[in-house]
Amino acid sequence: MPKDDFKPVATNRKAYHDFFIEESMEAGIMLTGTEVKSLRDGRANMKDSYALVKGEELFLIGCHISPYTHGNIMNPDPERTRKLLLHKKEIKRLLGILTQKGYTLVPLKIYFKGKHVKVELGLAKGKKLYDVRESIKEKEAKREIDRAQREREKG
C-alpha cells in the first residue's frame, strides 16, 4: 500500500491493553462533511467507544469527533452514534460471534484509505485483572532484555 494511501487519524491504544484482539476487520463509516474535515485535522478520540449490532446494522457508539473549527452552528453532535458499513453477511457472522459470552467489537483505528474514512474493528474478549498484570510483566521483561542487549553491544 502506498504511503499516501493510508493516513491514520486516531488509534485506540487502550483497546490492546484491556482486550485480547482475536480478529480485525475494516468497515466504512457514514460521516457528515464537517466531520470528515475535522478528521483530516486529526481531531478524534476513540476512548471508551465500541460497536454494536442493532437489527441488521452496525453502529459506532461513544467515538468523539470534535466539531470542525471553521464549521457553522449546524455541526453535528460530537458523540453521536454513527453507522458503520459492512456487508450483511459479515454483520450476521459478527452477530453470531458476539452472542457468545465475553465478546465485543472495539474500534482500533480510524484512518483514511484514499479519500474514504475507514474504521478498523477488533473482535475482542475482555482481559481479567490478572491478564492485564501478566501483559505488563511481559512488556517489562521484553524491555529489560532489549536494554541488556543494547548495553552488551555497546560494551
N, C-alpha and C. Protein backbone atom coordinates (compact mmCIF):
# COMPACT_ATOMS: atom_id res chain seq x y z
N MET A 1 0.83 -1.17 0.00
CA MET A 1 0.00 0.00 0.00
C MET A 1 0.88 1.24 0.00
N PRO A 2 0.67 2.18 -0.95
CA PRO A 2 1.48 3.39 -0.98
C PRO A 2 1.30 4.21 0.29
N LYS A 3 2.33 4.94 0.67
CA LYS A 3 2.31 5.70 1.91
C LYS A 3 1.21 6.77 1.90
N ASP A 4 0.95 7.40 0.75
CA ASP A 4 -0.06 8.44 0.66
C ASP A 4 -1.46 7.88 0.79
N ASP A 5 -1.64 6.58 0.55
CA ASP A 5 -2.96 5.98 0.51
C ASP A 5 -3.49 5.67 1.91
N PHE A 6 -2.63 5.61 2.91
CA PHE A 6 -3.02 5.21 4.26
C PHE A 6 -2.63 6.30 5.25
N LYS A 7 -3.63 7.01 5.78
CA LYS A 7 -3.35 8.09 6.72
C LYS A 7 -4.09 7.83 8.03
N PRO A 8 -3.40 7.36 9.07
CA PRO A 8 -4.08 7.12 10.34
C PRO A 8 -4.49 8.43 11.00
N VAL A 9 -5.69 8.44 11.57
CA VAL A 9 -6.20 9.64 12.24
C VAL A 9 -6.15 9.45 13.75
N ALA A 10 -6.70 8.32 14.22
CA ALA A 10 -6.75 8.06 15.66
C ALA A 10 -6.60 6.57 15.91
N THR A 11 -5.93 6.23 17.01
CA THR A 11 -5.80 4.83 17.39
C THR A 11 -6.31 4.67 18.82
N ASN A 12 -6.79 3.47 19.10
CA ASN A 12 -7.32 3.16 20.41
C ASN A 12 -6.32 2.24 21.11
N ARG A 13 -5.28 2.83 21.71
CA ARG A 13 -4.23 2.03 22.35
C ARG A 13 -4.75 1.31 23.57
N LYS A 14 -5.74 1.86 24.22
CA LYS A 14 -6.31 1.25 25.42
C LYS A 14 -6.98 -0.09 25.09
N ALA A 15 -7.45 -0.25 23.86
CA ALA A 15 -8.11 -1.50 23.47
C ALA A 15 -7.15 -2.67 23.58
N TYR A 16 -5.89 -2.48 23.18
CA TYR A 16 -4.91 -3.56 23.26
C TYR A 16 -4.54 -3.87 24.71
N HIS A 17 -4.73 -2.88 25.58
CA HIS A 17 -4.43 -3.07 27.00
C HIS A 17 -5.56 -3.81 27.70
N ASP A 18 -6.80 -3.51 27.35
CA ASP A 18 -7.96 -4.05 28.06
C ASP A 18 -8.54 -5.32 27.45
N PHE A 19 -8.17 -5.64 26.19
CA PHE A 19 -8.80 -6.75 25.49
C PHE A 19 -7.78 -7.63 24.79
N PHE A 20 -8.15 -8.89 24.59
CA PHE A 20 -7.44 -9.77 23.66
C PHE A 20 -8.10 -9.57 22.31
N ILE A 21 -7.37 -9.07 21.32
CA ILE A 21 -7.94 -8.85 19.99
C ILE A 21 -7.74 -10.14 19.20
N GLU A 22 -8.84 -10.81 18.86
CA GLU A 22 -8.75 -12.10 18.18
C GLU A 22 -8.82 -11.97 16.67
N GLU A 23 -9.49 -10.94 16.18
CA GLU A 23 -9.65 -10.77 14.74
C GLU A 23 -9.90 -9.29 14.48
N SER A 24 -9.46 -8.79 13.34
CA SER A 24 -9.75 -7.40 12.99
C SER A 24 -10.31 -7.33 11.58
N MET A 25 -11.13 -6.31 11.36
CA MET A 25 -11.75 -6.12 10.05
C MET A 25 -11.91 -4.64 9.77
N GLU A 26 -12.09 -4.32 8.51
CA GLU A 26 -12.21 -2.93 8.08
C GLU A 26 -13.67 -2.64 7.75
N ALA A 27 -14.16 -1.50 8.19
CA ALA A 27 -15.52 -1.08 7.90
C ALA A 27 -15.52 0.38 7.48
N GLY A 28 -16.45 0.73 6.64
CA GLY A 28 -16.64 2.13 6.28
C GLY A 28 -17.46 2.80 7.37
N ILE A 29 -17.53 4.12 7.34
CA ILE A 29 -18.29 4.86 8.35
C ILE A 29 -19.02 6.00 7.67
N MET A 30 -20.28 6.21 8.06
CA MET A 30 -21.07 7.30 7.49
C MET A 30 -20.84 8.56 8.31
N LEU A 31 -20.32 9.60 7.64
CA LEU A 31 -19.99 10.86 8.31
C LEU A 31 -20.58 12.02 7.53
N THR A 32 -20.67 13.17 8.20
CA THR A 32 -21.05 14.40 7.50
C THR A 32 -19.77 15.06 6.99
N GLY A 33 -19.91 16.08 6.16
CA GLY A 33 -18.76 16.75 5.57
C GLY A 33 -17.85 17.40 6.60
N THR A 34 -18.44 18.05 7.61
CA THR A 34 -17.61 18.73 8.60
C THR A 34 -16.88 17.72 9.49
N GLU A 35 -17.47 16.53 9.69
CA GLU A 35 -16.79 15.50 10.47
C GLU A 35 -15.55 15.00 9.72
N VAL A 36 -15.66 14.87 8.41
CA VAL A 36 -14.51 14.43 7.61
C VAL A 36 -13.40 15.48 7.69
N LYS A 37 -13.78 16.74 7.61
CA LYS A 37 -12.78 17.82 7.71
C LYS A 37 -12.11 17.81 9.08
N SER A 38 -12.87 17.57 10.11
CA SER A 38 -12.32 17.51 11.46
C SER A 38 -11.36 16.32 11.58
N LEU A 39 -11.71 15.19 10.97
CA LEU A 39 -10.82 14.02 10.99
C LEU A 39 -9.52 14.30 10.25
N ARG A 40 -9.60 15.05 9.17
CA ARG A 40 -8.38 15.41 8.44
C ARG A 40 -7.44 16.24 9.32
N ASP A 41 -8.02 16.99 10.26
CA ASP A 41 -7.21 17.74 11.23
C ASP A 41 -6.73 16.85 12.37
N GLY A 42 -7.17 15.58 12.40
CA GLY A 42 -6.74 14.64 13.43
C GLY A 42 -7.46 14.82 14.75
N ARG A 43 -8.70 15.27 14.71
CA ARG A 43 -9.42 15.58 15.94
C ARG A 43 -10.46 14.51 16.25
N ALA A 44 -9.99 13.35 16.68
CA ALA A 44 -10.89 12.26 17.06
C ALA A 44 -10.37 11.58 18.32
N ASN A 45 -11.28 11.05 19.11
CA ASN A 45 -10.92 10.34 20.33
C ASN A 45 -11.79 9.09 20.41
N MET A 46 -11.15 7.93 20.50
CA MET A 46 -11.88 6.67 20.49
C MET A 46 -11.92 6.01 21.86
N LYS A 47 -11.53 6.72 22.89
CA LYS A 47 -11.53 6.17 24.24
C LYS A 47 -12.96 5.81 24.65
N ASP A 48 -13.14 4.61 25.19
CA ASP A 48 -14.44 4.12 25.66
C ASP A 48 -15.48 3.97 24.54
N SER A 49 -15.05 3.82 23.30
CA SER A 49 -16.01 3.62 22.22
C SER A 49 -16.11 2.13 21.89
N TYR A 50 -17.22 1.75 21.30
CA TYR A 50 -17.46 0.37 20.93
C TYR A 50 -18.45 0.32 19.77
N ALA A 51 -18.56 -0.85 19.14
CA ALA A 51 -19.50 -1.05 18.05
C ALA A 51 -20.60 -1.99 18.52
N LEU A 52 -21.80 -1.78 18.00
CA LEU A 52 -22.96 -2.53 18.45
C LEU A 52 -23.81 -2.90 17.24
N VAL A 53 -24.33 -4.12 17.22
CA VAL A 53 -25.22 -4.56 16.15
C VAL A 53 -26.65 -4.34 16.61
N LYS A 54 -27.41 -3.54 15.83
CA LYS A 54 -28.84 -3.32 16.11
C LYS A 54 -29.60 -3.77 14.87
N GLY A 55 -30.40 -4.81 15.01
CA GLY A 55 -31.12 -5.35 13.86
C GLY A 55 -30.11 -5.97 12.91
N GLU A 56 -30.06 -5.45 11.71
CA GLU A 56 -29.08 -5.92 10.73
C GLU A 56 -28.09 -4.81 10.37
N GLU A 57 -27.91 -3.86 11.27
CA GLU A 57 -27.00 -2.75 11.04
C GLU A 57 -25.98 -2.68 12.16
N LEU A 58 -24.84 -2.06 11.86
CA LEU A 58 -23.74 -1.94 12.81
C LEU A 58 -23.51 -0.45 13.09
N PHE A 59 -23.36 -0.11 14.38
CA PHE A 59 -23.20 1.29 14.77
C PHE A 59 -21.97 1.47 15.65
N LEU A 60 -21.33 2.64 15.52
CA LEU A 60 -20.20 3.02 16.36
C LEU A 60 -20.72 3.98 17.42
N ILE A 61 -20.50 3.61 18.69
CA ILE A 61 -21.05 4.37 19.80
C ILE A 61 -19.89 4.89 20.67
N GLY A 62 -20.00 6.15 21.07
CA GLY A 62 -19.04 6.72 22.01
C GLY A 62 -17.77 7.28 21.38
N CYS A 63 -17.68 7.32 20.08
CA CYS A 63 -16.50 7.88 19.42
C CYS A 63 -16.68 9.40 19.31
N HIS A 64 -15.71 10.14 19.82
CA HIS A 64 -15.80 11.60 19.83
C HIS A 64 -15.03 12.17 18.65
N ILE A 65 -15.75 12.85 17.76
CA ILE A 65 -15.12 13.59 16.66
C ILE A 65 -15.44 15.06 16.91
N SER A 66 -14.43 15.83 17.23
CA SER A 66 -14.63 17.24 17.61
C SER A 66 -15.27 18.02 16.47
N PRO A 67 -16.09 19.02 16.81
CA PRO A 67 -16.69 19.84 15.76
C PRO A 67 -15.62 20.56 14.95
N TYR A 68 -15.85 20.71 13.68
CA TYR A 68 -14.91 21.40 12.80
C TYR A 68 -14.85 22.87 13.19
N THR A 69 -13.64 23.39 13.37
CA THR A 69 -13.47 24.75 13.89
C THR A 69 -14.03 25.81 12.94
N HIS A 70 -13.95 25.57 11.63
CA HIS A 70 -14.44 26.56 10.66
C HIS A 70 -15.85 26.23 10.19
N GLY A 71 -16.51 25.30 10.88
CA GLY A 71 -17.88 24.94 10.51
C GLY A 71 -18.86 25.97 11.05
N ASN A 72 -20.13 25.74 10.78
CA ASN A 72 -21.14 26.68 11.27
C ASN A 72 -21.88 26.07 12.46
N ILE A 73 -22.99 26.67 12.85
CA ILE A 73 -23.73 26.19 14.01
C ILE A 73 -24.43 24.86 13.75
N MET A 74 -24.43 24.41 12.54
CA MET A 74 -25.11 23.16 12.18
C MET A 74 -24.18 21.94 12.31
N ASN A 75 -23.04 22.10 12.98
CA ASN A 75 -22.15 20.96 13.21
C ASN A 75 -22.89 19.87 13.97
N PRO A 76 -22.69 18.60 13.60
CA PRO A 76 -23.37 17.52 14.31
C PRO A 76 -22.80 17.32 15.71
N ASP A 77 -23.54 16.61 16.55
CA ASP A 77 -23.11 16.29 17.91
C ASP A 77 -21.82 15.48 17.86
N PRO A 78 -20.78 15.86 18.61
CA PRO A 78 -19.50 15.14 18.55
C PRO A 78 -19.59 13.68 18.99
N GLU A 79 -20.53 13.35 19.88
CA GLU A 79 -20.63 11.99 20.42
C GLU A 79 -21.74 11.18 19.75
N ARG A 80 -22.27 11.64 18.62
CA ARG A 80 -23.43 10.96 18.04
C ARG A 80 -23.09 9.53 17.61
N THR A 81 -24.12 8.71 17.50
CA THR A 81 -23.97 7.33 17.05
C THR A 81 -23.82 7.35 15.53
N ARG A 82 -22.78 6.67 15.03
CA ARG A 82 -22.51 6.67 13.58
C ARG A 82 -22.67 5.26 13.02
N LYS A 83 -23.25 5.19 11.84
CA LYS A 83 -23.48 3.90 11.20
C LYS A 83 -22.19 3.41 10.54
N LEU A 84 -21.89 2.13 10.73
CA LEU A 84 -20.74 1.51 10.09
C LEU A 84 -21.21 0.68 8.91
N LEU A 85 -20.39 0.62 7.89
CA LEU A 85 -20.77 -0.04 6.64
C LEU A 85 -20.03 -1.36 6.47
N LEU A 86 -20.77 -2.45 6.57
CA LEU A 86 -20.26 -3.80 6.32
C LEU A 86 -21.32 -4.54 5.53
N HIS A 87 -20.93 -5.61 4.85
CA HIS A 87 -21.90 -6.44 4.15
C HIS A 87 -22.78 -7.16 5.16
N LYS A 88 -24.04 -7.41 4.77
CA LYS A 88 -24.98 -8.09 5.67
C LYS A 88 -24.47 -9.45 6.13
N LYS A 89 -23.81 -10.15 5.24
CA LYS A 89 -23.28 -11.47 5.58
C LYS A 89 -22.25 -11.36 6.71
N GLU A 90 -21.38 -10.32 6.63
CA GLU A 90 -20.37 -10.11 7.68
C GLU A 90 -21.03 -9.72 9.00
N ILE A 91 -22.08 -8.88 8.93
CA ILE A 91 -22.78 -8.46 10.14
C ILE A 91 -23.45 -9.66 10.82
N LYS A 92 -24.06 -10.53 10.04
CA LYS A 92 -24.70 -11.72 10.61
C LYS A 92 -23.67 -12.64 11.25
N ARG A 93 -22.51 -12.78 10.63
CA ARG A 93 -21.44 -13.60 11.20
C ARG A 93 -20.97 -13.01 12.53
N LEU A 94 -20.80 -11.68 12.54
CA LEU A 94 -20.39 -11.00 13.78
C LEU A 94 -21.44 -11.15 14.87
N LEU A 95 -22.71 -11.06 14.50
CA LEU A 95 -23.78 -11.19 15.48
C LEU A 95 -23.74 -12.57 16.13
N GLY A 96 -23.46 -13.60 15.33
CA GLY A 96 -23.34 -14.95 15.87
C GLY A 96 -22.19 -15.07 16.86
N ILE A 97 -21.07 -14.42 16.56
CA ILE A 97 -19.90 -14.47 17.46
C ILE A 97 -20.15 -13.63 18.71
N LEU A 98 -20.78 -12.46 18.55
CA LEU A 98 -20.98 -11.54 19.68
C LEU A 98 -21.96 -12.09 20.71
N THR A 99 -22.84 -13.01 20.31
CA THR A 99 -23.77 -13.58 21.28
C THR A 99 -23.05 -14.51 22.25
N GLN A 100 -21.84 -14.96 21.88
CA GLN A 100 -21.06 -15.77 22.80
C GLN A 100 -20.59 -14.90 23.97
N LYS A 101 -20.35 -15.53 25.09
CA LYS A 101 -20.02 -14.80 26.30
C LYS A 101 -18.65 -14.11 26.20
N GLY A 102 -18.63 -12.84 26.56
CA GLY A 102 -17.37 -12.14 26.69
C GLY A 102 -16.85 -11.43 25.45
N TYR A 103 -17.52 -11.55 24.31
CA TYR A 103 -17.02 -10.91 23.09
C TYR A 103 -17.65 -9.54 22.88
N THR A 104 -16.86 -8.63 22.33
CA THR A 104 -17.34 -7.30 21.99
C THR A 104 -16.60 -6.80 20.76
N LEU A 105 -17.14 -5.78 20.12
CA LEU A 105 -16.49 -5.16 18.96
C LEU A 105 -15.91 -3.82 19.42
N VAL A 106 -14.60 -3.67 19.24
CA VAL A 106 -13.91 -2.47 19.69
C VAL A 106 -13.24 -1.81 18.48
N PRO A 107 -13.43 -0.51 18.29
CA PRO A 107 -12.71 0.17 17.21
C PRO A 107 -11.24 0.32 17.59
N LEU A 108 -10.36 -0.04 16.67
CA LEU A 108 -8.92 0.03 16.93
C LEU A 108 -8.29 1.26 16.32
N LYS A 109 -8.72 1.62 15.10
CA LYS A 109 -8.14 2.77 14.40
C LYS A 109 -9.19 3.43 13.53
N ILE A 110 -9.03 4.71 13.30
CA ILE A 110 -9.75 5.42 12.25
C ILE A 110 -8.68 5.94 11.31
N TYR A 111 -8.87 5.73 10.02
CA TYR A 111 -7.86 6.15 9.07
C TYR A 111 -8.48 6.47 7.71
N PHE A 112 -7.72 7.17 6.90
CA PHE A 112 -8.13 7.46 5.53
C PHE A 112 -7.51 6.43 4.61
N LYS A 113 -8.33 5.86 3.75
CA LYS A 113 -7.84 4.94 2.72
C LYS A 113 -8.27 5.57 1.41
N GLY A 114 -7.31 6.23 0.77
CA GLY A 114 -7.67 7.04 -0.38
C GLY A 114 -8.45 8.24 0.13
N LYS A 115 -9.65 8.44 -0.40
CA LYS A 115 -10.48 9.55 0.07
C LYS A 115 -11.57 9.09 1.04
N HIS A 116 -11.61 7.80 1.35
CA HIS A 116 -12.64 7.25 2.22
C HIS A 116 -12.13 7.09 3.65
N VAL A 117 -13.02 7.32 4.61
CA VAL A 117 -12.68 7.13 6.01
C VAL A 117 -13.06 5.70 6.38
N LYS A 118 -12.13 4.99 7.01
CA LYS A 118 -12.35 3.60 7.40
C LYS A 118 -12.12 3.45 8.89
N VAL A 119 -12.77 2.44 9.48
CA VAL A 119 -12.59 2.11 10.89
C VAL A 119 -12.12 0.67 10.94
N GLU A 120 -11.04 0.40 11.68
CA GLU A 120 -10.61 -0.97 11.90
C GLU A 120 -11.25 -1.45 13.19
N LEU A 121 -12.08 -2.49 13.08
CA LEU A 121 -12.77 -3.05 14.23
C LEU A 121 -12.05 -4.30 14.69
N GLY A 122 -11.98 -4.49 15.98
CA GLY A 122 -11.37 -5.69 16.53
C GLY A 122 -12.41 -6.51 17.27
N LEU A 123 -12.47 -7.80 16.97
CA LEU A 123 -13.31 -8.71 17.72
C LEU A 123 -12.53 -9.06 18.98
N ALA A 124 -13.02 -8.62 20.13
CA ALA A 124 -12.22 -8.65 21.34
C ALA A 124 -12.91 -9.40 22.47
N LYS A 125 -12.07 -9.98 23.30
CA LYS A 125 -12.54 -10.63 24.51
C LYS A 125 -11.85 -9.94 25.68
N GLY A 126 -12.62 -9.55 26.69
CA GLY A 126 -12.08 -8.77 27.80
C GLY A 126 -11.02 -9.51 28.59
N LYS A 127 -10.01 -8.77 29.02
CA LYS A 127 -8.96 -9.33 29.87
C LYS A 127 -9.40 -9.23 31.33
N LYS A 128 -9.03 -10.21 32.09
CA LYS A 128 -9.23 -10.15 33.54
C LYS A 128 -8.06 -9.35 34.12
N LEU A 129 -8.17 -8.98 35.37
CA LEU A 129 -7.12 -8.17 36.01
C LEU A 129 -5.78 -8.88 35.99
N TYR A 130 -5.81 -10.21 36.23
CA TYR A 130 -4.53 -10.93 36.23
C TYR A 130 -3.94 -11.02 34.83
N ASP A 131 -4.79 -11.01 33.78
CA ASP A 131 -4.29 -11.00 32.40
C ASP A 131 -3.58 -9.68 32.11
N VAL A 132 -4.16 -8.57 32.59
CA VAL A 132 -3.57 -7.25 32.37
C VAL A 132 -2.21 -7.19 33.07
N ARG A 133 -2.15 -7.71 34.31
CA ARG A 133 -0.88 -7.70 35.04
C ARG A 133 0.16 -8.55 34.32
N GLU A 134 -0.27 -9.68 33.78
CA GLU A 134 0.64 -10.57 33.05
C GLU A 134 1.19 -9.86 31.80
N SER A 135 0.33 -9.15 31.09
CA SER A 135 0.76 -8.41 29.90
C SER A 135 1.80 -7.36 30.26
N ILE A 136 1.58 -6.67 31.38
CA ILE A 136 2.53 -5.64 31.81
C ILE A 136 3.87 -6.28 32.16
N LYS A 137 3.85 -7.42 32.84
CA LYS A 137 5.09 -8.12 33.19
C LYS A 137 5.85 -8.53 31.93
N GLU A 138 5.12 -9.05 30.93
CA GLU A 138 5.78 -9.46 29.67
C GLU A 138 6.43 -8.27 28.98
N LYS A 139 5.74 -7.13 28.94
CA LYS A 139 6.30 -5.94 28.32
C LYS A 139 7.56 -5.47 29.03
N GLU A 140 7.51 -5.48 30.37
CA GLU A 140 8.67 -5.05 31.15
C GLU A 140 9.84 -6.00 30.96
N ALA A 141 9.57 -7.30 30.90
CA ALA A 141 10.64 -8.29 30.68
C ALA A 141 11.27 -8.08 29.31
N LYS A 142 10.46 -7.85 28.31
CA LYS A 142 10.98 -7.62 26.95
C LYS A 142 11.83 -6.35 26.92
N ARG A 143 11.37 -5.32 27.62
CA ARG A 143 12.11 -4.07 27.68
C ARG A 143 13.47 -4.27 28.35
N GLU A 144 13.50 -5.06 29.42
CA GLU A 144 14.76 -5.35 30.12
C GLU A 144 15.72 -6.13 29.23
N ILE A 145 15.21 -7.10 28.49
CA ILE A 145 16.05 -7.89 27.58
C ILE A 145 16.64 -6.99 26.50
N ASP A 146 15.80 -6.12 25.91
CA ASP A 146 16.29 -5.20 24.87
C ASP A 146 17.35 -4.27 25.43
N ARG A 147 17.13 -3.78 26.65
CA ARG A 147 18.08 -2.86 27.28
C ARG A 147 19.41 -3.57 27.52
N ALA A 148 19.35 -4.81 27.99
CA ALA A 148 20.56 -5.59 28.25
C ALA A 148 21.32 -5.86 26.95
N GLN A 149 20.62 -6.15 25.88
CA GLN A 149 21.27 -6.39 24.58
C GLN A 149 21.96 -5.13 24.07
N ARG A 150 21.31 -3.99 24.24
CA ARG A 150 21.92 -2.73 23.81
C ARG A 150 23.19 -2.46 24.61
N GLU A 151 23.14 -2.67 25.92
CA GLU A 151 24.31 -2.47 26.77
C GLU A 151 25.45 -3.40 26.35
N ARG A 152 25.11 -4.63 26.02
CA ARG A 152 26.10 -5.63 25.64
C ARG A 152 26.76 -5.26 24.30
N GLU A 153 25.96 -4.73 23.37
CA GLU A 153 26.51 -4.33 22.08
C GLU A 153 27.43 -3.12 22.21
N LYS A 154 27.12 -2.22 23.13
CA LYS A 154 27.95 -1.04 23.35
C LYS A 154 29.28 -1.44 23.98
N GLY A 155 29.18 -2.29 25.02
CA GLY A 155 30.35 -2.59 25.84
C GLY A 155 31.26 -3.59 25.22
